[in-house]
PDB file of N, CA and C in Angstrom:
ATOM      1  N   UNK A   1     -45.606   1.392  12.517  1.00  0.00           N
ATOM      2  CA  UNK A   1     -44.866   2.477  11.627  1.00  0.00           C
ATOM      3  C   UNK A   1     -43.602   2.455  11.971  1.00  0.00           C
ATOM      4  N   UNK A   2     -43.231   2.432  13.554  1.00  0.00           N
ATOM      5  CA  UNK A   2     -42.024   2.526  14.113  1.00  0.00           C
ATOM      6  C   UNK A   2     -41.162   1.457  13.736  1.00  0.00           C
ATOM      7  N   UNK A   3     -41.363   0.349  13.635  1.00  0.00           N
ATOM      8  CA  UNK A   3     -40.903  -1.316  13.117  1.00  0.00           C
ATOM      9  C   UNK A   3     -40.363  -0.450  11.534  1.00  0.00           C
ATOM     10  N   UNK A   4     -41.314  -0.173  11.162  1.00  0.00           N
ATOM     11  CA  UNK A   4     -40.461   0.024   9.303  1.00  0.00           C
ATOM     12  C   UNK A   4     -39.392   1.026   9.405  1.00  0.00           C
ATOM     13  N   UNK A   5     -39.409   1.982  10.383  1.00  0.00           N
ATOM     14  CA  UNK A   5     -38.371   3.264  10.649  1.00  0.00           C
ATOM     15  C   UNK A   5     -37.231   2.896  11.078  1.00  0.00           C
ATOM     16  N   UNK A   6     -37.309   1.555  12.357  1.00  0.00           N
ATOM     17  CA  UNK A   6     -36.146   0.997  12.612  1.00  0.00           C
ATOM     18  C   UNK A   6     -35.268   0.031  11.819  1.00  0.00           C
ATOM     19  N   UNK A   7     -36.432  -0.320  10.966  1.00  0.00           N
ATOM     20  CA  UNK A   7     -35.834  -1.524  10.127  1.00  0.00           C
ATOM     21  C   UNK A   7     -34.834  -0.819   8.805  1.00  0.00           C
ATOM     22  N   UNK A   8     -35.481   0.157   8.425  1.00  0.00           N
ATOM     23  CA  UNK A   8     -35.114   0.992   7.177  1.00  0.00           C
ATOM     24  C   UNK A   8     -33.621   1.270   7.851  1.00  0.00           C
ATOM     25  N   UNK A   9     -33.560   1.864   9.390  1.00  0.00           N
ATOM     26  CA  UNK A   9     -32.320   2.548   9.442  1.00  0.00           C
ATOM     27  C   UNK A   9     -31.362   1.456   9.715  1.00  0.00           C
ATOM     28  N   UNK A  10     -31.802   0.084  10.238  1.00  0.00           N
ATOM     29  CA  UNK A  10     -31.096  -0.933  10.454  1.00  0.00           C
ATOM     30  C   UNK A  10     -29.996  -1.268   8.984  1.00  0.00           C
ATOM     31  N   UNK A  11     -31.235  -1.269   8.055  1.00  0.00           N
ATOM     32  CA  UNK A  11     -30.264  -1.509   6.932  1.00  0.00           C
ATOM     33  C   UNK A  11     -29.628  -0.744   6.027  1.00  0.00           C
ATOM     34  N   UNK A  12     -30.065   0.603   6.672  1.00  0.00           N
ATOM     35  CA  UNK A  12     -28.505   1.505   5.754  1.00  0.00           C
ATOM     36  C   UNK A  12     -27.648   1.484   6.714  1.00  0.00           C
ATOM     37  N   UNK A  13     -27.641   0.947   8.115  1.00  0.00           N
ATOM     38  CA  UNK A  13     -26.627   0.835   8.546  1.00  0.00           C
ATOM     39  C   UNK A  13     -25.336   0.044   8.383  1.00  0.00           C
ATOM     40  N   UNK A  14     -26.371  -1.333   8.254  1.00  0.00           N
ATOM     41  CA  UNK A  14     -25.920  -2.587   6.940  1.00  0.00           C
ATOM     42  C   UNK A  14     -25.228  -2.452   5.738  1.00  0.00           C
ATOM     43  N   UNK A  15     -25.508  -2.165   5.495  1.00  0.00           N
ATOM     44  CA  UNK A  15     -25.066  -0.708   3.727  1.00  0.00           C
ATOM     45  C   UNK A  15     -23.748  -0.546   3.898  1.00  0.00           C
ATOM     46  N   UNK A  16     -24.295   0.779   4.659  1.00  0.00           N
ATOM     47  CA  UNK A  16     -23.013   1.459   5.753  1.00  0.00           C
ATOM     48  C   UNK A  16     -21.313   0.520   5.765  1.00  0.00           C
ATOM     49  N   UNK A  17     -22.144  -0.046   6.428  1.00  0.00           N
ATOM     50  CA  UNK A  17     -20.921  -1.275   7.088  1.00  0.00           C
ATOM     51  C   UNK A  17     -19.993  -2.005   6.081  1.00  0.00           C
ATOM     52  N   UNK A  18     -20.814  -2.316   5.394  1.00  0.00           N
ATOM     53  CA  UNK A  18     -20.463  -2.993   3.886  1.00  0.00           C
ATOM     54  C   UNK A  18     -20.031  -2.287   3.284  1.00  0.00           C
ATOM     55  N   UNK A  19     -20.033  -0.900   2.795  1.00  0.00           N
ATOM     56  CA  UNK A  19     -19.322   0.155   2.508  1.00  0.00           C
ATOM     57  C   UNK A  19     -18.221  -0.054   2.622  1.00  0.00           C
ATOM     58  N   UNK A  20     -18.241   0.179   3.817  1.00  0.00           N
ATOM     59  CA  UNK A  20     -17.056   0.432   5.024  1.00  0.00           C
ATOM     60  C   UNK A  20     -15.846  -0.531   4.945  1.00  0.00           C
ATOM     61  N   UNK A  21     -16.461  -1.787   4.978  1.00  0.00           N
ATOM     62  CA  UNK A  21     -15.535  -3.175   4.866  1.00  0.00           C
ATOM     63  C   UNK A  21     -15.159  -2.926   3.222  1.00  0.00           C
ATOM     64  N   UNK A  22     -16.086  -2.604   2.213  1.00  0.00           N
ATOM     65  CA  UNK A  22     -15.126  -3.120   1.131  1.00  0.00           C
ATOM     66  C   UNK A  22     -14.350  -1.813   0.689  1.00  0.00           C
ATOM     67  N   UNK A  23     -14.272  -0.850   1.599  1.00  0.00           N
ATOM     68  CA  UNK A  23     -13.535   0.326   1.446  1.00  0.00           C
ATOM     69  C   UNK A  23     -11.757   0.077   1.973  1.00  0.00           C
ATOM     70  N   UNK A  24     -12.017  -0.500   2.890  1.00  0.00           N
ATOM     71  CA  UNK A  24     -11.096  -0.824   3.874  1.00  0.00           C
ATOM     72  C   UNK A  24     -10.430  -2.174   2.961  1.00  0.00           C
ATOM     73  N   UNK A  25     -10.841  -3.202   2.555  1.00  0.00           N
ATOM     74  CA  UNK A  25     -10.139  -4.175   1.741  1.00  0.00           C
ATOM     75  C   UNK A  25      -9.439  -3.840   0.115  1.00  0.00           C
ATOM     76  N   UNK A  26     -10.272  -2.930  -0.256  1.00  0.00           N
ATOM     77  CA  UNK A  26      -9.682  -1.961  -1.532  1.00  0.00           C
ATOM     78  C   UNK A  26      -8.268  -1.375  -0.853  1.00  0.00           C
ATOM     79  N   UNK A  27      -8.357  -0.566   0.182  1.00  0.00           N
ATOM     80  CA  UNK A  27      -7.057   0.231   0.515  1.00  0.00           C
ATOM     81  C   UNK A  27      -6.261  -1.370   1.059  1.00  0.00           C
ATOM     82  N   UNK A  28      -6.530  -1.936   1.755  1.00  0.00           N
ATOM     83  CA  UNK A  28      -5.805  -3.031   2.193  1.00  0.00           C
ATOM     84  C   UNK A  28      -4.841  -3.320   1.093  1.00  0.00           C
ATOM     85  N   UNK A  29      -5.612  -3.715  -0.408  1.00  0.00           N
ATOM     86  CA  UNK A  29      -4.934  -4.223  -1.434  1.00  0.00           C
ATOM     87  C   UNK A  29      -3.878  -3.373  -1.751  1.00  0.00           C
ATOM     88  N   UNK A  30      -4.685  -2.102  -2.244  1.00  0.00           N
ATOM     89  CA  UNK A  30      -3.557  -0.857  -2.812  1.00  0.00           C
ATOM     90  C   UNK A  30      -2.477  -0.809  -1.812  1.00  0.00           C
ATOM     91  N   UNK A  31      -2.401  -0.487  -0.970  1.00  0.00           N
ATOM     92  CA  UNK A  31      -1.386  -0.484   0.017  1.00  0.00           C
ATOM     93  C   UNK A  31      -0.683  -1.552  -0.076  1.00  0.00           C
ATOM     94  N   UNK A  32      -0.839  -2.750  -0.278  1.00  0.00           N
ATOM     95  CA  UNK A  32      -0.117  -4.285  -0.368  1.00  0.00           C
ATOM     96  C   UNK A  32       0.663  -3.860  -2.090  1.00  0.00           C
ATOM     97  N   UNK A  33       0.162  -3.684  -2.537  1.00  0.00           N
ATOM     98  CA  UNK A  33       0.636  -3.351  -3.945  1.00  0.00           C
ATOM     99  C   UNK A  33       1.342  -2.115  -3.986  1.00  0.00           C
ATOM    100  N   UNK A  34       1.399  -0.928  -3.826  1.00  0.00           N
ATOM    101  CA  UNK A  34       2.219   0.093  -3.788  1.00  0.00           C
ATOM    102  C   UNK A  34       3.095  -0.229  -2.621  1.00  0.00           C
ATOM    103  N   UNK A  35       2.854  -0.818  -1.439  1.00  0.00           N
ATOM    104  CA  UNK A  35       4.238  -0.851  -0.813  1.00  0.00           C
ATOM    105  C   UNK A  35       5.533  -2.102  -1.016  1.00  0.00           C
ATOM    106  N   UNK A  36       4.973  -2.868  -2.096  1.00  0.00           N
ATOM    107  CA  UNK A  36       5.527  -4.069  -2.957  1.00  0.00           C
ATOM    108  C   UNK A  36       6.765  -3.238  -3.604  1.00  0.00           C
ATOM    109  N   UNK A  37       5.669  -2.651  -4.694  1.00  0.00           N
ATOM    110  CA  UNK A  37       6.441  -2.038  -5.822  1.00  0.00           C
ATOM    111  C   UNK A  37       7.568  -1.026  -4.958  1.00  0.00           C
ATOM    112  N   UNK A  38       7.045  -0.144  -3.655  1.00  0.00           N
ATOM    113  CA  UNK A  38       7.948   0.751  -3.127  1.00  0.00           C
ATOM    114  C   UNK A  38       9.361   0.016  -2.976  1.00  0.00           C
ATOM    115  N   UNK A  39       9.520  -1.510  -2.037  1.00  0.00           N
ATOM    116  CA  UNK A  39       9.783  -2.160  -1.722  1.00  0.00           C
ATOM    117  C   UNK A  39      10.984  -2.619  -2.687  1.00  0.00           C
ATOM    118  N   UNK A  40      10.680  -2.992  -3.850  1.00  0.00           N
ATOM    119  CA  UNK A  40      11.495  -3.757  -5.325  1.00  0.00           C
ATOM    120  C   UNK A  40      11.990  -2.434  -5.554  1.00  0.00           C
ATOM    121  N   UNK A  41      11.657  -1.741  -5.876  1.00  0.00           N
ATOM    122  CA  UNK A  41      12.182  -0.165  -6.253  1.00  0.00           C
ATOM    123  C   UNK A  41      13.400   0.122  -5.285  1.00  0.00           C
ATOM    124  N   UNK A  42      13.542   0.370  -3.811  1.00  0.00           N
ATOM    125  CA  UNK A  42      13.968   0.187  -3.380  1.00  0.00           C
ATOM    126  C   UNK A  42      15.350  -0.019  -3.025  1.00  0.00           C
ATOM    127  N   UNK A  43      15.057  -2.107  -3.321  1.00  0.00           N
ATOM    128  CA  UNK A  43      16.327  -2.559  -3.253  1.00  0.00           C
ATOM    129  C   UNK A  43      16.706  -2.553  -4.064  1.00  0.00           C
ATOM    130  N   UNK A  44      16.570  -2.027  -5.190  1.00  0.00           N
ATOM    131  CA  UNK A  44      17.002  -1.478  -6.981  1.00  0.00           C
ATOM    132  C   UNK A  44      18.027  -0.759  -6.470  1.00  0.00           C
ATOM    133  N   UNK A  45      17.341   0.313  -6.128  1.00  0.00           N
ATOM    134  CA  UNK A  45      18.296   1.803  -5.854  1.00  0.00           C
ATOM    135  C   UNK A  45      18.966   1.653  -5.174  1.00  0.00           C
ATOM    136  N   UNK A  46      18.827   0.808  -3.459  1.00  0.00           N
ATOM    137  CA  UNK A  46      20.214   0.276  -2.887  1.00  0.00           C
ATOM    138  C   UNK A  46      21.474  -0.769  -3.522  1.00  0.00           C
ATOM    139  N   UNK A  47      21.144  -1.768  -4.306  1.00  0.00           N
ATOM    140  CA  UNK A  47      22.044  -2.616  -4.731  1.00  0.00           C
ATOM    141  C   UNK A  47      22.418  -1.251  -6.139  1.00  0.00           C
ATOM    142  N   UNK A  48      21.990  -0.660  -6.956  1.00  0.00           N
ATOM    143  CA  UNK A  48      22.491   0.332  -7.593  1.00  0.00           C
ATOM    144  C   UNK A  48      23.321   1.074  -7.287  1.00  0.00           C
ATOM    145  N   UNK A  49      23.597   1.809  -6.271  1.00  0.00           N
ATOM    146  CA  UNK A  49      24.526   2.758  -4.853  1.00  0.00           C
ATOM    147  C   UNK A  49      25.228   1.622  -4.928  1.00  0.00           C
ATOM    148  N   UNK A  50      24.874   0.831  -4.298  1.00  0.00           N
ATOM    149  CA  UNK A  50      26.318   0.141  -3.860  1.00  0.00           C
ATOM    150  C   UNK A  50      27.147  -0.143  -5.116  1.00  0.00           C
ATOM    151  N   UNK A  51      26.675  -0.561  -6.171  1.00  0.00           N
ATOM    152  CA  UNK A  51      27.518  -1.121  -7.618  1.00  0.00           C
ATOM    153  C   UNK A  51      27.920   0.337  -7.826  1.00  0.00           C
ATOM    154  N   UNK A  52      27.738   1.765  -7.598  1.00  0.00           N
ATOM    155  CA  UNK A  52      28.426   2.730  -8.214  1.00  0.00           C
ATOM    156  C   UNK A  52      29.539   2.761  -7.046  1.00  0.00           C
ATOM    157  N   UNK A  53      29.376   2.379  -5.760  1.00  0.00           N
ATOM    158  CA  UNK A  53      30.169   3.030  -4.619  1.00  0.00           C
ATOM    159  C   UNK A  53      31.710   2.015  -4.778  1.00  0.00           C
ATOM    160  N   UNK A  54      31.214   1.021  -5.158  1.00  0.00           N
ATOM    161  CA  UNK A  54      32.512   0.214  -5.509  1.00  0.00           C
ATOM    162  C   UNK A  54      33.226   0.616  -6.543  1.00  0.00           C
ATOM    163  N   UNK A  55      32.437   0.735  -7.697  1.00  0.00           N
ATOM    164  CA  UNK A  55      33.330   1.219  -9.017  1.00  0.00           C
ATOM    165  C   UNK A  55      33.872   2.692  -8.762  1.00  0.00           C
ATOM    166  N   UNK A  56      32.946   3.335  -7.652  1.00  0.00           N
ATOM    167  CA  UNK A  56      34.612   4.786  -7.218  1.00  0.00           C
ATOM    168  C   UNK A  56      35.914   4.121  -6.841  1.00  0.00           C
ATOM    169  N   UNK A  57      35.138   3.113  -5.630  1.00  0.00           N
ATOM    170  CA  UNK A  57      36.149   2.826  -5.044  1.00  0.00           C
ATOM    171  C   UNK A  57      37.742   2.006  -6.215  1.00  0.00           C
ATOM    172  N   UNK A  58      37.125   1.411  -6.814  1.00  0.00           N
ATOM    173  CA  UNK A  58      37.800   0.895  -8.271  1.00  0.00           C
ATOM    174  C   UNK A  58      38.609   1.805  -8.812  1.00  0.00           C
ATOM    175  N   UNK A  59      37.859   2.878  -9.088  1.00  0.00           N
ATOM    176  CA  UNK A  59      38.788   4.545  -9.917  1.00  0.00           C
ATOM    177  C   UNK A  59      39.929   4.992  -9.058  1.00  0.00           C
ATOM    178  N   UNK A  60      39.006   5.042  -7.948  1.00  0.00           N
ATOM    179  CA  UNK A  60      40.009   5.446  -6.473  1.00  0.00           C
ATOM    180  C   UNK A  60      41.592   4.855  -6.406  1.00  0.00           C
ATOM    181  N   UNK A  61      41.590   3.352  -6.504  1.00  0.00           N
ATOM    182  CA  UNK A  61      42.619   2.898  -6.223  1.00  0.00           C
ATOM    183  C   UNK A  61      43.697   2.904  -7.572  1.00  0.00           C
ATOM    184  N   UNK A  62      42.830   3.567  -9.029  1.00  0.00           N
ATOM    185  CA  UNK A  62      43.573   3.270  -9.721  1.00  0.00           C
ATOM    186  C   UNK A  62      44.540   4.776 -10.271  1.00  0.00           C
ATOM    187  N   UNK A  63      44.383   5.533  -9.234  1.00  0.00           N
ATOM    188  CA  UNK A  63      45.100   7.170  -9.427  1.00  0.00           C
ATOM    189  C   UNK A  63      46.209   7.105  -8.396  1.00  0.00           C
TER     190      UNK A  63
END
């Protein structure tokens, strides 16, 4: 009887570990996607700001 209890406990621990590993894998995938998207958007924003700075400098030179 004790063995069955221990076996059930071990099975539930294995399920918990598997669930945890799945959650970690999902987190890593989601984080990587969001990081990539944010990085691209940040790069675009910096490029646009740089373009606007150059445009302002050109306008300033004309005054």
